[in-house]
Amino acid sequence: MAPTIHSAMACVVIDDFLSGMSRLSGLSSFLAAKGVRVCAPKPAGTGYLLPALQDALQAARSGTGGASVVACGTGCGAALALAEQLPVERLALIDPRSPRTVGSGVDPALFRQAVRLDRFARRNLPLCVSDVLVIRACLAGHDRPQAAFIGTGRLHGRLLTAEFCGADANNLYTDCENMLKNGVYSFLQNGDFPKSLAEKPEMCIIYG
């Protein structure tokens, strides 16, 4: 049976490119099955990260006129930097991490680019006019995402924050995968987080 297309949407998916793990493959498949045109950056080499991000956004916008971006981990800074330079309708950041928290074993050229984009993103937050959703595991010893990554009051777009707490904080990409997928899809579609999830405080807390 062909997938039901609810609306003409396009999205750039930026995985955690410094962790060596594919976190968003399941989300990409889920969005594609919902009728979302999914594009991923394809760097020609470690020296071409930003052009690859720009090309992916251009490809996503082709034919629809607009596109959103989903990123996770160390890809979140690059996604935010992209939204500060080019039109992005909605921006979903999943478990954002600074590239500087990554240990050894990372390609030096790619690491330098990731750090540069992360710094640019933090310096230029007022340039982001997109609606932003931050999804973060609420773990002991970690600041809240709006203080640790976004900076309260510096965005010109609307900011929503979803924190997965308790046991769910350690299972963001496993036991909570379906909740994560539905939450991101709902945000991309209409800018909201599902009320059915927001009303379950043991799972997540929403800040708007």
C-alpha atoms as a PDB file:
ATOM      1  CA  MET A   1       0.000   0.000   0.000  1.00  0.00           C
ATOM      2  CA  ALA A   2       1.338   3.429  -0.945  1.00  0.00           C
ATOM      3  CA  PRO A   3       2.094   5.827   1.937  1.00  0.00           C
ATOM      4  CA  THR A   4      -0.507   8.442   2.772  1.00  0.00           C
ATOM      5  CA  ILE A   5       0.799  11.911   1.983  1.00  0.00           C
ATOM      6  CA  HIS A   6      -0.645  14.324   4.531  1.00  0.00           C
ATOM      7  CA  SER A   7       1.072  17.457   3.252  1.00  0.00           C
ATOM      8  CA  ALA A   8       3.848  18.548   0.933  1.00  0.00           C
ATOM      9  CA  MET A   9       6.808  18.705   3.300  1.00  0.00           C
ATOM     10  CA  ALA A  10      10.540  18.484   2.835  1.00  0.00           C
ATOM     11  CA  CYS A  11      13.198  18.023   5.450  1.00  0.00           C
ATOM     12  CA  VAL A  12      16.982  17.918   5.753  1.00  0.00           C
ATOM     13  CA  VAL A  13      18.160  15.281   8.228  1.00  0.00           C
ATOM     14  CA  ILE A  14      21.598  15.881   9.790  1.00  0.00           C
ATOM     15  CA  ASP A  15      22.879  12.934  11.778  1.00  0.00           C
ATOM     16  CA  ASP A  16      25.468  13.089  14.549  1.00  0.00           C
ATOM     17  CA  PHE A  17      28.443  13.225  12.201  1.00  0.00           C
ATOM     18  CA  LEU A  18      31.138  12.993  14.886  1.00  0.00           C
ATOM     19  CA  SER A  19      29.830  10.028  16.869  1.00  0.00           C
ATOM     20  CA  GLY A  20      30.251   7.447  14.118  1.00  0.00           C
ATOM     21  CA  MET A  21      26.715   6.205  14.819  1.00  0.00           C
ATOM     22  CA  SER A  22      23.593   6.532  12.680  1.00  0.00           C
ATOM     23  CA  ARG A  23      20.932   7.795  15.072  1.00  0.00           C
ATOM     24  CA  LEU A  24      18.337   9.098  12.653  1.00  0.00           C
ATOM     25  CA  SER A  25      18.015   6.353  10.030  1.00  0.00           C
ATOM     26  CA  GLY A  26      14.765   5.114  11.589  1.00  0.00           C
ATOM     27  CA  LEU A  27      13.392   8.648  11.786  1.00  0.00           C
ATOM     28  CA  SER A  28      14.285   9.287   8.138  1.00  0.00           C
ATOM     29  CA  SER A  29      12.404   6.156   7.060  1.00  0.00           C
ATOM     30  CA  PHE A  30       9.436   7.099   9.241  1.00  0.00           C
ATOM     31  CA  LEU A  31       9.226  10.608   7.764  1.00  0.00           C
ATOM     32  CA  ALA A  32       9.575   9.288   4.212  1.00  0.00           C
ATOM     33  CA  ALA A  33       6.694   6.857   4.823  1.00  0.00           C
ATOM     34  CA  LYS A  34       4.594   9.843   5.925  1.00  0.00           C
ATOM     35  CA  GLY A  35       5.224  11.525   2.579  1.00  0.00           C
ATOM     36  CA  VAL A  36       8.003  13.863   3.695  1.00  0.00           C
ATOM     37  CA  ARG A  37      10.769  14.343   1.123  1.00  0.00           C
ATOM     38  CA  VAL A  38      13.928  13.645   3.119  1.00  0.00           C
ATOM     39  CA  CYS A  39      17.352  14.931   2.056  1.00  0.00           C
ATOM     40  CA  ALA A  40      20.681  14.286   3.759  1.00  0.00           C
ATOM     41  CA  PRO A  41      23.950  16.193   3.315  1.00  0.00           C
ATOM     42  CA  LYS A  42      26.568  14.353   1.284  1.00  0.00           C
ATOM     43  CA  PRO A  43      29.974  15.913   1.933  1.00  0.00           C
ATOM     44  CA  ALA A  44      32.432  15.336  -0.911  1.00  0.00           C
ATOM     45  CA  GLY A  45      35.185  15.347   1.676  1.00  0.00           C
ATOM     46  CA  THR A  46      35.944  16.544   5.172  1.00  0.00           C
ATOM     47  CA  GLY A  47      36.584  20.043   3.823  1.00  0.00           C
ATOM     48  CA  TYR A  48      33.086  20.494   2.404  1.00  0.00           C
ATOM     49  CA  LEU A  49      30.654  20.207   5.297  1.00  0.00           C
ATOM     50  CA  LEU A  50      28.909  23.588   4.999  1.00  0.00           C
ATOM     51  CA  PRO A  51      28.427  23.411   1.183  1.00  0.00           C
ATOM     52  CA  ALA A  52      26.981  19.909   1.622  1.00  0.00           C
ATOM     53  CA  LEU A  53      24.483  21.241   4.175  1.00  0.00           C
ATOM     54  CA  GLN A  54      23.532  24.112   1.875  1.00  0.00           C
ATOM     55  CA  ASP A  55      23.124  21.769  -1.099  1.00  0.00           C
ATOM     56  CA  ALA A  56      20.881  19.445   0.938  1.00  0.00           C
ATOM     57  CA  LEU A  57      18.657  22.354   1.970  1.00  0.00           C
ATOM     58  CA  GLN A  58      18.477  23.585  -1.624  1.00  0.00           C
ATOM     59  CA  ALA A  59      17.466  20.086  -2.765  1.00  0.00           C
ATOM     60  CA  ALA A  60      14.802  19.874  -0.044  1.00  0.00           C
ATOM     61  CA  ARG A  61      13.337  23.247  -0.967  1.00  0.00           C
ATOM     62  CA  SER A  62      13.207  22.418  -4.678  1.00  0.00           C
ATOM     63  CA  GLY A  63       9.607  21.822  -5.673  1.00  0.00           C
ATOM     64  CA  THR A  64       8.102  22.760  -2.291  1.00  0.00           C
ATOM     65  CA  GLY A  65       9.420  26.272  -1.710  1.00  0.00           C
ATOM     66  CA  GLY A  66      10.225  25.567   1.914  1.00  0.00           C
ATOM     67  CA  ALA A  67      11.954  23.018   4.088  1.00  0.00           C
ATOM     68  CA  SER A  68      12.650  22.122   7.699  1.00  0.00           C
ATOM     69  CA  VAL A  69      15.733  20.618   9.343  1.00  0.00           C
ATOM     70  CA  VAL A  70      16.114  17.807  11.881  1.00  0.00           C
ATOM     71  CA  ALA A  71      19.461  17.165  13.547  1.00  0.00           C
ATOM     72  CA  CYS A  72      20.868  15.248  16.469  1.00  0.00           C
ATOM     73  CA  GLY A  73      23.938  15.317  18.683  1.00  0.00           C
ATOM     74  CA  THR A  74      26.889  17.215  17.267  1.00  0.00           C
ATOM     75  CA  GLY A  75      24.905  17.909  14.096  1.00  0.00           C
ATOM     76  CA  CYS A  76      22.662  20.358  15.972  1.00  0.00           C
ATOM     77  CA  GLY A  77      25.137  23.239  15.909  1.00  0.00           C
ATOM     78  CA  ALA A  78      25.561  22.840  12.153  1.00  0.00           C
ATOM     79  CA  ALA A  79      21.777  22.737  11.708  1.00  0.00           C
ATOM     80  CA  LEU A  80      21.332  25.924  13.719  1.00  0.00           C
ATOM     81  CA  ALA A  81      24.119  27.651  11.788  1.00  0.00           C
ATOM     82  CA  LEU A  82      22.356  26.654   8.556  1.00  0.00           C
ATOM     83  CA  ALA A  83      19.056  28.121   9.789  1.00  0.00           C
ATOM     84  CA  GLU A  84      20.840  31.371  10.677  1.00  0.00           C
ATOM     85  CA  GLN A  85      22.037  31.784   7.096  1.00  0.00           C
ATOM     86  CA  LEU A  86      19.222  30.377   4.933  1.00  0.00           C
ATOM     87  CA  PRO A  87      15.408  30.147   5.255  1.00  0.00           C
ATOM     88  CA  VAL A  88      14.358  27.149   7.376  1.00  0.00           C
ATOM     89  CA  GLU A  89      10.710  26.782   8.367  1.00  0.00           C
ATOM     90  CA  ARG A  90      11.145  24.575  11.433  1.00  0.00           C
ATOM     91  CA  LEU A  91      14.193  23.243  13.225  1.00  0.00           C
ATOM     92  CA  ALA A  92      14.145  20.132  15.444  1.00  0.00           C
ATOM     93  CA  LEU A  93      17.276  19.561  17.543  1.00  0.00           C
ATOM     94  CA  ILE A  94      17.517  16.157  19.224  1.00  0.00           C
ATOM     95  CA  ASP A  95      19.857  15.757  22.188  1.00  0.00           C
ATOM     96  CA  PRO A  96      22.174  18.617  21.105  1.00  0.00           C
ATOM     97  CA  ARG A  97      25.856  18.246  22.015  1.00  0.00           C
ATOM     98  CA  SER A  98      28.861  20.472  21.502  1.00  0.00           C
ATOM     99  CA  PRO A  99      31.489  18.989  19.166  1.00  0.00           C
ATOM    100  CA  ARG A 100      34.055  19.840  21.845  1.00  0.00           C
ATOM    101  CA  THR A 101      32.620  17.107  24.073  1.00  0.00           C
ATOM    102  CA  VAL A 102      33.671  14.439  21.561  1.00  0.00           C
ATOM    103  CA  GLY A 103      36.749  12.446  22.469  1.00  0.00           C
ATOM    104  CA  SER A 104      39.620  11.221  20.322  1.00  0.00           C
ATOM    105  CA  GLY A 105      39.336   9.281  17.089  1.00  0.00           C
ATOM    106  CA  VAL A 106      37.527  12.005  15.132  1.00  0.00           C
ATOM    107  CA  ASP A 107      38.780  13.244  11.778  1.00  0.00           C
ATOM    108  CA  PRO A 108      40.641  16.509  12.628  1.00  0.00           C
ATOM    109  CA  ALA A 109      39.372  18.440   9.592  1.00  0.00           C
ATOM    110  CA  LEU A 110      35.756  17.449  10.219  1.00  0.00           C
ATOM    111  CA  PHE A 111      36.132  18.245  13.919  1.00  0.00           C
ATOM    112  CA  ARG A 112      37.443  21.754  13.163  1.00  0.00           C
ATOM    113  CA  GLN A 113      34.521  22.451  10.845  1.00  0.00           C
ATOM    114  CA  ALA A 114      31.998  21.192  13.366  1.00  0.00           C
ATOM    115  CA  VAL A 115      33.469  23.388  16.107  1.00  0.00           C
ATOM    116  CA  ARG A 116      33.519  26.397  13.762  1.00  0.00           C
ATOM    117  CA  LEU A 117      29.857  25.947  12.832  1.00  0.00           C
ATOM    118  CA  ASP A 118      28.909  25.402  16.469  1.00  0.00           C
ATOM    119  CA  ARG A 119      30.610  28.646  17.489  1.00  0.00           C
ATOM    120  CA  PHE A 120      28.942  30.514  14.626  1.00  0.00           C
ATOM    121  CA  ALA A 121      25.550  29.143  15.694  1.00  0.00           C
ATOM    122  CA  ARG A 122      25.964  30.278  19.295  1.00  0.00           C
ATOM    123  CA  ARG A 123      27.184  33.757  18.331  1.00  0.00           C
ATOM    124  CA  ASN A 124      24.369  34.399  15.863  1.00  0.00           C
ATOM    125  CA  LEU A 125      21.261  33.061  17.608  1.00  0.00           C
ATOM    126  CA  PRO A 126      19.244  36.253  16.908  1.00  0.00           C
ATOM    127  CA  LEU A 127      19.533  35.476  13.177  1.00  0.00           C
ATOM    128  CA  CYS A 128      17.428  32.337  13.601  1.00  0.00           C
ATOM    129  CA  VAL A 129      13.769  33.104  12.869  1.00  0.00           C
ATOM    130  CA  SER A 130      12.645  29.470  12.601  1.00  0.00           C
ATOM    131  CA  ASP A 131      10.352  27.712  15.039  1.00  0.00           C
ATOM    132  CA  VAL A 132      12.691  25.535  17.116  1.00  0.00           C
ATOM    133  CA  LEU A 133      12.011  22.307  18.994  1.00  0.00           C
ATOM    134  CA  VAL A 134      14.728  21.045  21.338  1.00  0.00           C
ATOM    135  CA  ILE A 135      14.412  17.436  22.521  1.00  0.00           C
ATOM    136  CA  ARG A 136      16.812  16.526  25.285  1.00  0.00           C
ATOM    137  CA  ALA A 137      17.399  13.725  27.764  1.00  0.00           C
ATOM    138  CA  CYS A 138      17.043  15.207  31.251  1.00  0.00           C
ATOM    139  CA  LEU A 139      20.045  13.646  32.981  1.00  0.00           C
ATOM    140  CA  ALA A 140      21.544  14.577  36.342  1.00  0.00           C
ATOM    141  CA  GLY A 141      24.312  17.153  36.022  1.00  0.00           C
ATOM    142  CA  HIS A 142      23.129  18.534  32.655  1.00  0.00           C
ATOM    143  CA  ASP A 143      21.757  22.041  32.226  1.00  0.00           C
ATOM    144  CA  ARG A 144      18.383  22.496  30.622  1.00  0.00           C
ATOM    145  CA  PRO A 145      18.689  22.691  26.825  1.00  0.00           C
ATOM    146  CA  GLN A 146      17.430  26.252  26.498  1.00  0.00           C
ATOM    147  CA  ALA A 147      20.197  27.432  28.849  1.00  0.00           C
ATOM    148  CA  ALA A 148      22.921  25.061  27.668  1.00  0.00           C
ATOM    149  CA  PHE A 149      22.418  25.326  23.908  1.00  0.00           C
ATOM    150  CA  ILE A 150      19.891  27.882  22.757  1.00  0.00           C
ATOM    151  CA  GLY A 151      20.098  30.711  25.256  1.00  0.00           C
ATOM    152  CA  THR A 152      16.788  31.971  26.599  1.00  0.00           C
ATOM    153  CA  GLY A 153      15.343  34.990  24.832  1.00  0.00           C
ATOM    154  CA  ARG A 154      17.878  35.178  22.005  1.00  0.00           C
ATOM    155  CA  LEU A 155      15.881  33.461  19.302  1.00  0.00           C
ATOM    156  CA  HIS A 156      13.427  35.396  17.141  1.00  0.00           C
ATOM    157  CA  GLY A 157      11.395  32.261  16.402  1.00  0.00           C
ATOM    158  CA  ARG A 158       9.232  30.237  18.762  1.00  0.00           C
ATOM    159  CA  LEU A 159      11.042  27.824  21.100  1.00  0.00           C
ATOM    160  CA  LEU A 160       9.597  24.553  22.403  1.00  0.00           C
ATOM    161  CA  THR A 161      11.536  22.206  24.644  1.00  0.00           C
ATOM    162  CA  ALA A 162      10.747  18.570  25.387  1.00  0.00           C
ATOM    163  CA  GLU A 163      12.716  16.810  28.103  1.00  0.00           C
ATOM    164  CA  PHE A 164      12.605  13.042  28.464  1.00  0.00           C
ATOM    165  CA  CYS A 165      13.032  12.273  32.150  1.00  0.00           C
ATOM    166  CA  GLY A 166      13.531   9.270  34.394  1.00  0.00           C
ATOM    167  CA  ALA A 167      14.169   5.950  32.674  1.00  0.00           C
ATOM    168  CA  ASP A 168      13.193   7.480  29.324  1.00  0.00           C
ATOM    169  CA  ALA A 169      16.231   9.779  29.461  1.00  0.00           C
ATOM    170  CA  ASN A 170      18.540   6.827  28.786  1.00  0.00           C
ATOM    171  CA  ASN A 171      16.352   5.305  26.061  1.00  0.00           C
ATOM    172  CA  LEU A 172      15.782   8.218  23.711  1.00  0.00           C
ATOM    173  CA  TYR A 173      16.640   6.220  20.577  1.00  0.00           C
ATOM    174  CA  THR A 174      15.352   2.811  21.738  1.00  0.00           C
ATOM    175  CA  ASP A 175      12.277   2.454  23.967  1.00  0.00           C
ATOM    176  CA  CYS A 176      11.220   6.056  23.241  1.00  0.00           C
ATOM    177  CA  GLU A 177      11.841   5.853  19.494  1.00  0.00           C
ATOM    178  CA  ASN A 178       8.172   5.863  18.441  1.00  0.00           C
ATOM    179  CA  MET A 179       7.394   8.769  20.754  1.00  0.00           C
ATOM    180  CA  LEU A 180      10.395  10.638  19.336  1.00  0.00           C
ATOM    181  CA  LYS A 181       9.324  10.010  15.727  1.00  0.00           C
ATOM    182  CA  ASN A 182       5.733  11.093  16.299  1.00  0.00           C
ATOM    183  CA  GLY A 183       6.828  14.171  18.227  1.00  0.00           C
ATOM    184  CA  VAL A 184       9.202  15.317  15.492  1.00  0.00           C
ATOM    185  CA  TYR A 185       6.690  14.627  12.708  1.00  0.00           C
ATOM    186  CA  SER A 186       3.949  16.559  14.495  1.00  0.00           C
ATOM    187  CA  PHE A 187       6.300  19.518  14.975  1.00  0.00           C
ATOM    188  CA  LEU A 188       7.366  19.507  11.320  1.00  0.00           C
ATOM    189  CA  GLN A 189       3.746  19.297  10.189  1.00  0.00           C
ATOM    190  CA  ASN A 190       2.105  21.962  12.353  1.00  0.00           C
ATOM    191  CA  GLY A 191       4.723  23.390  14.730  1.00  0.00           C
ATOM    192  CA  ASP A 192       3.339  21.648  17.812  1.00  0.00           C
ATOM    193  CA  PHE A 193       4.332  18.762  20.058  1.00  0.00           C
ATOM    194  CA  PRO A 194       1.578  16.118  20.465  1.00  0.00           C
ATOM    195  CA  LYS A 195      -0.656  16.890  23.430  1.00  0.00           C
ATOM    196  CA  SER A 196      -0.965  13.181  24.146  1.00  0.00           C
ATOM    197  CA  LEU A 197       2.772  13.136  24.919  1.00  0.00           C
ATOM    198  CA  ALA A 198       2.909  16.482  26.675  1.00  0.00           C
ATOM    199  CA  GLU A 199       0.252  15.328  29.131  1.00  0.00           C
ATOM    200  CA  LYS A 200       2.457  12.490  30.396  1.00  0.00           C
ATOM    201  CA  PRO A 201       4.854  14.184  32.830  1.00  0.00           C
ATOM    202  CA  GLU A 202       6.656  10.943  33.614  1.00  0.00           C
ATOM    203  CA  MET A 203       7.755  10.844  29.969  1.00  0.00           C
ATOM    204  CA  CYS A 204       8.444  14.442  29.024  1.00  0.00           C
ATOM    205  CA  ILE A 205       7.995  18.036  30.073  1.00  0.00           C
ATOM    206  CA  ILE A 206       7.219  20.785  27.599  1.00  0.00           C
ATOM    207  CA  TYR A 207       8.465  24.330  27.952  1.00  0.00           C
ATOM    208  CA  GLY A 208       7.171  26.944  25.516  1.00  0.00           C
END
